[in-house]
Protein backbone atom coordinates (compact mmCIF):
# COMPACT_ATOMS: atom_id res chain seq x y z
CA UNK A 1 78.86 -71.16 101.87
CA UNK A 2 80.16 -68.82 104.57
CA UNK A 3 77.59 -66.50 106.09
CA UNK A 4 78.28 -62.82 105.56
CA UNK A 5 78.97 -60.98 108.80
CA UNK A 6 76.34 -58.36 109.59
CA UNK A 7 77.72 -55.00 110.73
CA UNK A 8 75.12 -53.36 112.91
CA UNK A 9 74.61 -49.58 112.92
CA UNK A 10 76.07 -49.20 116.41
CA UNK A 11 79.22 -50.97 115.24
CA UNK A 12 79.44 -48.73 112.17
CA UNK A 13 79.22 -45.62 114.36
CA UNK A 14 81.76 -47.06 116.80
CA UNK A 15 84.24 -47.53 113.95
CA UNK A 16 83.69 -43.90 112.87
CA UNK A 17 84.19 -42.56 116.41
CA UNK A 18 87.34 -44.67 116.85
CA UNK A 19 88.79 -43.34 113.60
CA UNK A 20 88.04 -39.68 114.35
CA UNK A 21 89.18 -39.83 118.00
CA UNK A 22 92.14 -42.20 117.67
CA UNK A 23 93.64 -41.35 121.07
CA UNK A 24 90.75 -43.07 122.84
CA UNK A 25 91.09 -46.71 123.84
CA UNK A 26 88.78 -49.19 122.13
CA UNK A 27 86.48 -49.51 125.20
CA UNK A 28 86.30 -45.72 125.60
CA UNK A 29 85.40 -45.21 121.93
CA UNK A 30 82.80 -47.97 122.13
CA UNK A 31 81.02 -46.44 125.13
CA UNK A 32 81.22 -42.93 123.67
CA UNK A 33 79.70 -44.24 120.44
CA UNK A 34 76.97 -46.04 122.40
CA UNK A 35 76.20 -42.90 124.40
CA UNK A 36 75.90 -40.68 121.30
CA UNK A 37 74.05 -43.31 119.24
CA UNK A 38 71.56 -43.91 122.04
CA UNK A 39 71.05 -40.16 122.47
CA UNK A 40 70.10 -39.84 118.81
CA UNK A 41 67.52 -42.61 119.10
CA UNK A 42 66.14 -41.44 122.44
CA UNK A 43 66.38 -37.75 121.48
CA UNK A 44 67.61 -37.25 125.03
CA UNK A 45 70.83 -37.51 127.05
CA UNK A 46 68.96 -39.04 129.98
CA UNK A 47 70.90 -42.03 131.32
CA UNK A 48 67.70 -44.04 131.78
CA UNK A 49 66.38 -43.22 128.29
CA UNK A 50 69.66 -43.97 126.50
CA UNK A 51 70.21 -47.21 128.45
CA UNK A 52 66.68 -48.34 127.63
CA UNK A 53 67.10 -47.67 123.91
CA UNK A 54 70.45 -49.46 123.74
CA UNK A 55 69.14 -52.45 125.68
CA UNK A 56 66.21 -52.79 123.29
CA UNK A 57 68.54 -52.42 120.31
CA UNK A 58 71.06 -55.10 121.32
CA UNK A 59 68.70 -57.34 123.27
CA UNK A 60 70.50 -56.80 126.57
CA UNK A 61 69.54 -55.66 130.03
CA UNK A 62 68.82 -52.02 130.72
CA UNK A 63 70.68 -52.13 134.05
CA UNK A 64 73.80 -53.48 132.35
CA UNK A 65 73.75 -50.70 129.74
CA UNK A 66 72.99 -48.16 132.44
CA UNK A 67 76.04 -49.14 134.49
CA UNK A 68 78.28 -49.12 131.40
CA UNK A 69 77.16 -45.62 130.48
CA UNK A 70 77.36 -44.38 134.07
CA UNK A 71 80.97 -45.55 134.44
CA UNK A 72 81.89 -43.53 131.33
CA UNK A 73 81.32 -40.39 133.41
CA UNK A 74 83.02 -41.71 136.58
CA UNK A 75 86.46 -40.67 137.82
CA UNK A 76 89.02 -43.47 137.85
CA UNK A 77 88.64 -44.25 141.57
CA UNK A 78 84.98 -45.18 141.06
CA UNK A 79 85.59 -47.54 138.14
CA UNK A 80 85.80 -51.31 138.33
CA UNK A 81 88.52 -53.61 137.00
CA UNK A 82 92.30 -53.85 137.09
CA UNK A 83 92.75 -51.76 133.93
CA UNK A 84 90.30 -49.04 134.83
CA UNK A 85 90.91 -45.72 133.14
CA UNK A 86 88.99 -42.45 133.31
CA UNK A 87 88.36 -40.63 130.06
CA UNK A 88 90.18 -37.30 129.78
CA UNK A 89 87.96 -34.75 128.07
CA UNK A 90 90.45 -32.01 127.19
CA UNK A 91 92.60 -34.17 124.84
CA UNK A 92 89.44 -34.71 122.78
CA UNK A 93 89.06 -31.03 121.89
CA UNK A 94 91.69 -30.90 119.13
CA UNK A 95 90.50 -34.13 117.46
CA UNK A 96 86.88 -32.95 117.63
CA UNK A 97 87.79 -29.78 115.78
CA UNK A 98 89.85 -31.76 113.28
CA UNK A 99 86.82 -34.02 112.73
CA UNK A 100 84.65 -31.04 111.84
CA UNK A 101 87.29 -29.46 109.59
CA UNK A 102 88.50 -32.66 107.94
CA UNK A 103 86.98 -31.75 104.57
CA UNK A 104 85.92 -28.19 105.34
CA UNK A 105 85.80 -26.50 101.91
CA UNK A 106 85.61 -22.87 103.09
CA UNK A 107 88.54 -20.53 103.69
CA UNK A 108 86.79 -19.19 106.81
CA UNK A 109 86.01 -20.87 110.13
CA UNK A 110 83.86 -19.16 112.74
CA UNK A 111 84.29 -20.04 116.41
CA UNK A 112 81.90 -18.72 119.03
CA UNK A 113 82.79 -18.16 122.69
CA UNK A 114 80.00 -17.98 125.24
CA UNK A 115 78.78 -19.20 128.61
CA UNK A 116 75.49 -20.82 129.55
CA UNK A 117 74.05 -21.86 132.89
CA UNK A 118 72.10 -24.83 134.17
CA UNK A 119 69.98 -23.30 136.88
CA UNK A 120 72.03 -22.58 139.97
CA UNK A 121 74.15 -25.68 139.49
CA UNK A 122 76.58 -25.28 136.58
CA UNK A 123 78.15 -22.69 134.30
CA UNK A 124 79.39 -24.02 130.96
CA UNK A 125 82.16 -22.11 129.17
CA UNK A 126 82.16 -23.30 125.58
CA UNK A 127 83.92 -22.75 122.27
CA UNK A 128 81.84 -23.94 119.32
CA UNK A 129 82.13 -24.08 115.55
CA UNK A 130 79.30 -21.96 114.13
CA UNK A 131 77.61 -23.90 111.37
CA UNK A 132 74.39 -23.43 109.39
CA UNK A 133 72.30 -21.81 112.10
CA UNK A 134 73.63 -23.93 114.95
CA UNK A 135 76.88 -24.68 116.80
CA UNK A 136 79.09 -27.69 117.46
CA UNK A 137 80.87 -27.63 120.84
CA UNK A 138 84.55 -28.46 120.39
CA UNK A 139 85.95 -27.25 123.74
CA UNK A 140 84.25 -26.64 127.07
CA UNK A 141 84.66 -26.45 130.81
CA UNK A 142 81.93 -26.81 133.42
CA UNK A 143 82.28 -25.04 136.75
CA UNK A 144 79.94 -24.78 139.74
CA UNK A 145 77.60 -21.82 139.51
CA UNK A 146 78.46 -19.10 141.97
CA UNK A 147 82.12 -20.03 142.26
CA UNK A 148 84.18 -16.93 142.94
CA UNK A 149 87.21 -16.13 140.83
CA UNK A 150 88.10 -15.27 137.27
CA UNK A 151 87.33 -17.32 134.16
CA UNK A 152 90.52 -16.13 132.49
CA UNK A 153 92.57 -19.31 133.13
CA UNK A 154 89.71 -21.47 131.88
CA UNK A 155 89.32 -19.59 128.60
CA UNK A 156 93.10 -19.61 128.08
CA UNK A 157 93.17 -23.37 128.62
CA UNK A 158 90.35 -23.95 126.15
CA UNK A 159 91.96 -21.76 123.49
CA UNK A 160 95.28 -23.54 123.96
CA UNK A 161 93.56 -26.92 123.57
CA UNK A 162 92.44 -25.82 120.10
CA UNK A 163 95.84 -25.00 118.65
CA UNK A 164 95.89 -23.34 115.25
CA UNK A 165 97.94 -26.26 113.92
CA UNK A 166 94.82 -28.39 113.97
CA UNK A 167 93.05 -25.95 111.67
CA UNK A 168 95.81 -25.46 109.16
CA UNK A 169 97.51 -22.20 108.30
CA UNK A 170 95.51 -21.60 105.13
CA UNK A 171 92.23 -20.75 106.88
CA UNK A 172 91.01 -17.51 108.38
CA UNK A 173 89.64 -18.29 111.84
CA UNK A 174 87.29 -15.71 113.34
CA UNK A 175 86.52 -15.90 117.06
CA UNK A 176 83.24 -14.18 117.95
CA UNK A 177 82.16 -13.18 121.45
CA UNK A 178 79.52 -10.91 122.93
CA UNK A 179 80.31 -7.77 124.92
CA UNK A 180 80.00 -9.57 128.27
CA UNK A 181 83.21 -11.49 127.50
CA UNK A 182 85.34 -8.68 126.09
CA UNK A 183 88.76 -8.25 127.69
CA UNK A 184 92.08 -7.00 126.38
CA UNK A 185 93.80 -10.25 127.40
CA UNK A 186 91.19 -12.28 125.48
CA UNK A 187 91.78 -10.22 122.32
CA UNK A 188 95.51 -10.84 122.64
CA UNK A 189 95.13 -14.53 123.54
CA UNK A 190 93.11 -15.15 120.37
CA UNK A 191 95.77 -13.47 118.24
CA UNK A 192 98.42 -15.61 119.97
CA UNK A 193 96.68 -18.68 118.52
CA UNK A 194 97.01 -17.26 115.01
CA UNK A 195 93.28 -16.46 114.89
CA UNK A 196 91.33 -13.23 114.54
CA UNK A 197 89.20 -11.79 117.36
CA UNK A 198 85.77 -10.44 116.51
CA UNK A 199 84.70 -9.09 119.89
CA UNK A 200 81.77 -6.82 120.64
CA UNK A 201 82.29 -4.05 123.21
CA UNK A 202 79.97 -1.82 125.20
CA UNK A 203 78.99 1.62 123.96
CA UNK A 204 80.72 3.40 126.84
CA UNK A 205 84.25 3.13 125.42
CA UNK A 206 86.28 5.44 123.22
CA UNK A 207 88.25 5.10 119.98
CA UNK A 208 90.90 7.19 118.22
CA UNK A 209 91.12 6.70 114.44
CA UNK A 210 94.61 6.41 112.99
CA UNK A 211 94.07 9.72 111.18
CA UNK A 212 93.06 11.58 114.35
CA UNK A 213 94.77 12.78 117.51
CA UNK A 214 91.62 12.72 119.65
CA UNK A 215 89.64 9.91 121.24
CA UNK A 216 85.90 9.98 120.59
CA UNK A 217 83.02 8.10 122.25
CA UNK A 218 82.20 4.98 120.30
CA UNK A 219 78.71 6.25 119.54
CA UNK A 220 80.34 9.14 117.68
CA UNK A 221 81.08 6.75 114.79
CA UNK A 222 77.45 5.59 114.36
CA UNK A 223 75.34 8.42 115.79
CA UNK A 224 72.02 7.14 114.41
CA UNK A 225 70.53 3.84 113.19
CA UNK A 226 71.25 3.07 109.57
CA UNK A 227 74.93 4.09 109.70
CA UNK A 228 78.25 2.27 109.68
CA UNK A 229 81.94 3.07 109.95
CA UNK A 230 85.13 1.03 110.04
CA UNK A 231 88.79 1.88 110.31
CA UNK A 232 92.09 1.33 112.10
CA UNK A 233 93.03 3.11 115.29
CA UNK A 234 93.32 2.69 119.06
CA UNK A 235 90.50 1.63 121.35
CA UNK A 236 90.09 2.98 124.89
CA UNK A 237 91.74 6.06 126.27
CA UNK A 238 93.04 4.58 129.52
CA UNK A 239 96.73 3.70 129.20
CA UNK A 240 96.25 0.24 130.71
CA UNK A 241 93.39 -0.64 128.38
CA UNK A 242 94.61 0.82 125.08
CA UNK A 243 94.40 -1.57 122.16
CA UNK A 244 95.59 -1.05 118.57
CA UNK A 245 92.86 -2.60 116.45
CA UNK A 246 90.20 -2.14 113.80
CA UNK A 247 86.80 -0.80 114.83
CA UNK A 248 83.75 -2.06 112.95
CA UNK A 249 80.73 0.03 113.91
CA UNK A 250 77.28 -0.72 112.53
CA UNK A 251 73.82 0.30 113.72
CA UNK A 252 71.08 -1.64 112.02
CA UNK A 253 67.64 -0.01 111.90
CA UNK A 254 65.37 -1.54 114.53
CA UNK A 255 68.24 -2.45 116.86
CA UNK A 256 68.39 -0.80 120.27
CA UNK A 257 72.20 -0.51 120.26
CA UNK A 258 74.87 -0.48 117.55
CA UNK A 259 77.32 -3.31 117.00
CA UNK A 260 80.76 -2.06 118.04
CA UNK A 261 83.32 -4.71 117.15
CA UNK A 262 87.07 -4.87 117.66
CA UNK A 263 89.25 -7.06 115.44
CA UNK A 264 92.81 -7.26 114.15
CA UNK A 265 91.66 -7.71 110.55
CA UNK A 266 92.17 -4.88 108.09
CA UNK A 267 89.03 -2.74 107.65
CA UNK A 268 88.64 -3.79 104.03
CA UNK A 269 88.91 -7.49 104.98
CA UNK A 270 86.07 -7.54 107.53
CA UNK A 271 82.32 -7.00 107.62
CA UNK A 272 80.43 -6.14 110.81
CA UNK A 273 77.51 -8.14 109.44
CA UNK A 274 79.39 -11.35 110.21
CA UNK A 275 78.74 -10.75 113.88
CA UNK A 276 75.10 -11.68 113.30
CA UNK A 277 76.21 -15.31 113.10
CA UNK A 278 77.25 -15.24 116.76
CA UNK A 279 73.68 -16.00 117.77
CA UNK A 280 74.15 -19.52 116.37
CA UNK A 281 75.96 -20.51 119.56
CA UNK A 282 72.76 -19.69 121.43
CA UNK A 283 70.96 -22.13 119.16
CA UNK A 284 73.64 -24.69 120.01
CA UNK A 285 72.95 -24.25 123.73
CA UNK A 286 69.25 -24.69 122.97
CA UNK A 287 70.05 -28.01 121.25
CA UNK A 288 71.86 -29.24 124.36
CA UNK A 289 68.76 -28.48 126.43
CA UNK A 290 65.09 -28.34 125.48
CA UNK A 291 65.70 -28.12 121.74
CA UNK A 292 67.44 -31.48 121.58
CA UNK A 293 69.23 -33.45 124.29
CA UNK A 294 67.21 -32.30 127.35
CA UNK A 295 70.32 -31.72 129.45
CA UNK A 296 68.35 -29.39 131.71
CA UNK A 297 66.81 -32.52 133.29
CA UNK A 298 70.12 -34.04 134.39
CA UNK A 299 70.52 -34.98 138.04
CA UNK A 300 74.32 -34.64 137.92
CA UNK A 301 75.94 -32.39 140.50
CA UNK A 302 79.64 -33.07 139.80
CA UNK A 303 81.17 -30.79 137.12
CA UNK A 304 83.75 -33.39 136.04
CA UNK A 305 81.03 -35.97 135.35
CA UNK A 306 79.03 -33.35 133.48
CA UNK A 307 82.05 -32.54 131.28
CA UNK A 308 82.26 -36.21 130.23
CA UNK A 309 78.56 -36.27 129.44
CA UNK A 310 79.10 -33.17 127.32
CA UNK A 311 81.61 -35.14 125.24
CA UNK A 312 78.78 -37.49 124.23
CA UNK A 313 76.53 -34.48 123.61
CA UNK A 314 79.20 -32.90 121.40
CA UNK A 315 79.70 -36.06 119.34
CA UNK A 316 75.95 -36.59 118.87
CA UNK A 317 75.48 -32.93 117.90
CA UNK A 318 78.39 -33.11 115.45
CA UNK A 319 76.85 -36.19 113.82
CA UNK A 320 73.37 -34.72 113.34
CA UNK A 321 74.66 -31.38 112.05
CA UNK A 322 76.95 -33.13 109.57
CA UNK A 323 74.07 -35.21 108.20
CA UNK A 324 71.52 -32.39 108.30
CA UNK A 325 73.91 -29.81 106.86
CA UNK A 326 74.80 -32.07 103.95
CA UNK A 327 71.10 -32.56 103.22
CA UNK A 328 70.41 -28.82 103.38
CA UNK A 329 73.34 -28.08 101.05
CA UNK A 330 72.00 -30.62 98.55
CA UNK A 331 68.55 -29.01 98.67
CA UNK A 332 70.05 -25.57 98.12
CA UNK A 333 72.07 -26.90 95.18
CA UNK A 334 68.97 -28.44 93.61
CA UNK A 335 67.07 -25.17 94.00
CA UNK A 336 69.91 -23.24 92.35
CA UNK A 337 70.00 -25.69 89.43
CA UNK A 338 66.25 -25.35 88.97
CA UNK A 339 66.56 -21.56 88.86
CA UNK A 340 69.32 -21.79 86.24
CA UNK A 341 67.23 -24.19 84.17
CA UNK A 342 64.33 -21.74 84.30
CA UNK A 343 66.56 -18.94 83.06
CA UNK A 344 68.02 -21.12 80.32
CA UNK A 345 64.53 -21.98 79.10
CA UNK A 346 63.74 -18.29 78.77
CA UNK A 347 61.03 -18.41 81.42
CA UNK A 348 60.74 -15.32 83.55
CA UNK A 349 62.23 -16.04 86.95
CA UNK A 350 61.17 -13.89 89.85
CA UNK A 351 63.87 -13.48 92.47
CA UNK A 352 62.64 -14.27 95.94
CA UNK A 353 64.12 -13.16 99.19
CA UNK A 354 65.85 -16.00 101.00
CA UNK A 355 63.54 -17.45 103.60
CA UNK A 356 64.56 -18.42 107.10
CA UNK A 357 65.07 -22.10 107.80
CA UNK A 358 61.75 -23.87 108.28
CA UNK A 359 63.56 -26.93 109.66
CA UNK A 360 66.98 -26.59 111.31
CA UNK A 361 69.89 -28.77 110.24
CA UNK A 362 69.88 -30.50 113.65
CA UNK A 363 66.35 -31.80 113.12
CA UNK A 364 67.00 -32.58 109.46
CA UNK A 365 69.92 -34.74 110.54
CA UNK A 366 67.75 -36.55 113.08
CA UNK A 367 65.07 -37.25 110.47
CA UNK A 368 67.58 -38.73 108.04
CA UNK A 369 69.29 -40.90 110.60
CA UNK A 370 65.98 -42.33 111.75
CA UNK A 371 64.93 -42.90 108.14
CA UNK A 372 68.19 -44.76 107.42
CA UNK A 373 67.72 -46.99 110.46
CA UNK A 374 64.06 -47.73 109.67
CA UNK A 375 64.78 -48.60 106.03
CA UNK A 376 68.05 -50.48 106.70
CA UNK A 377 69.86 -48.01 104.45
CA UNK A 378 73.60 -47.34 104.88
CA UNK A 379 74.25 -45.31 108.00
CA UNK A 380 74.96 -41.69 106.95
CA UNK A 381 77.89 -39.83 108.51
CA UNK A 382 77.35 -36.59 106.64
CA UNK A 383 79.78 -33.87 105.60
CA UNK A 384 80.33 -30.27 106.66
CA UNK A 385 79.53 -27.80 103.88
CA UNK A 386 79.43 -24.29 105.38
CA UNK A 387 77.53 -21.44 103.81
CA UNK A 388 79.41 -18.41 102.43
CA UNK A 389 79.87 -15.56 104.84
CA UNK A 390 76.93 -13.14 104.59
CA UNK A 391 77.41 -10.04 102.50
CA UNK A 392 75.12 -7.16 103.38
CA UNK A 393 74.46 -4.10 101.28
CA UNK A 394 76.41 -1.31 102.94
CA UNK A 395 74.60 1.20 105.08
CA UNK A 396 75.42 4.88 104.53
CA UNK A 397 78.80 5.83 105.90
CA UNK A 398 79.15 8.16 108.85
CA UNK A 399 81.42 11.11 108.08
CA UNK A 400 83.95 11.70 110.85
CA UNK A 401 84.32 15.05 112.53
CA UNK A 402 86.58 16.15 115.32
CA UNK A 403 83.57 17.55 117.13
CA UNK A 404 81.14 14.77 118.20
CA UNK A 405 78.29 17.27 118.42
CA UNK A 406 78.84 18.20 114.78
CA UNK A 407 78.69 14.54 113.73
CA UNK A 408 75.49 14.00 115.70
CA UNK A 409 73.89 16.95 113.99
């Protein structure tokens, strides 16, 4: 009787990576899968830690695994062999996004733009899919810290690498960024992709509602905490900075400053409360460092090598969030069914305010992958099941007046 071939977990994950990133060669997909699989087991992106885990897993030598992983990050001139080939990171951005959105059931996709630093060595410019309290990097560029010049060409290149055709025309794509990144060209570049900017601006600007002939300071629209206003008009009085757009102004009680957001969406189709999800990209940066992969300990000094390592970080993060998010969605569904059963039985059900996550989806995914490996269960790949966009009870509206002093009173 023929012996059944055993498919090891690393091979299962390699097949998944090869299918989702089909432009990679078989050796490239295999090493990328090994990198990301080893990172999950080691809970670190350290070359030494990942090589040690993989060597123990396959019964090989740590130095052999170490060299294989190291060459993944090398430029072509430092590789061995007649058919040497350096992995190109940028062509992976579109397929990474397509991987996340392959069975995405929601009509909305939220992308976050932000930059993070690694000491005085690197600056990472990243675009991430915001998902269940965290973020999945799908496009990035790493530049030396302190390099003079503008980031405009880099952001344009990253946006172009994530063409709207990958997402499909039937989805509303919101691109969120904090006030430190606002620029007129960025607003327009996002629209050029077929997406919708959701950009926060500083309080020092001005805005002219469509029904008015005068520009007012932005604080005029939300003079005190606990107010909100939204409407079409023109932002910024200076002729070179003027921008036809929608202003979403909201000042939550307890916040030092209001949220002043510019978008191309119609006022009735947008909610300033969505901007609260932008902080998830900060959680994603935390996952890449002390909260997950420990990238802050890297000894790399070359930005190109670091960008290739970030490809493994992105794939590993995608995997854990898919598995953890699916588990969280199942738990939420079970809780909802239990509440409905309680109501059907006639038992009094007390509504409770939704609690914050006690365990993030990243860690939930890690727990379930380890459990599957320890129990020899089928390797989970997970699924992306985003939460509905938050809907907040409206704050009182701010009545508009031509005289800012009158509105403040």
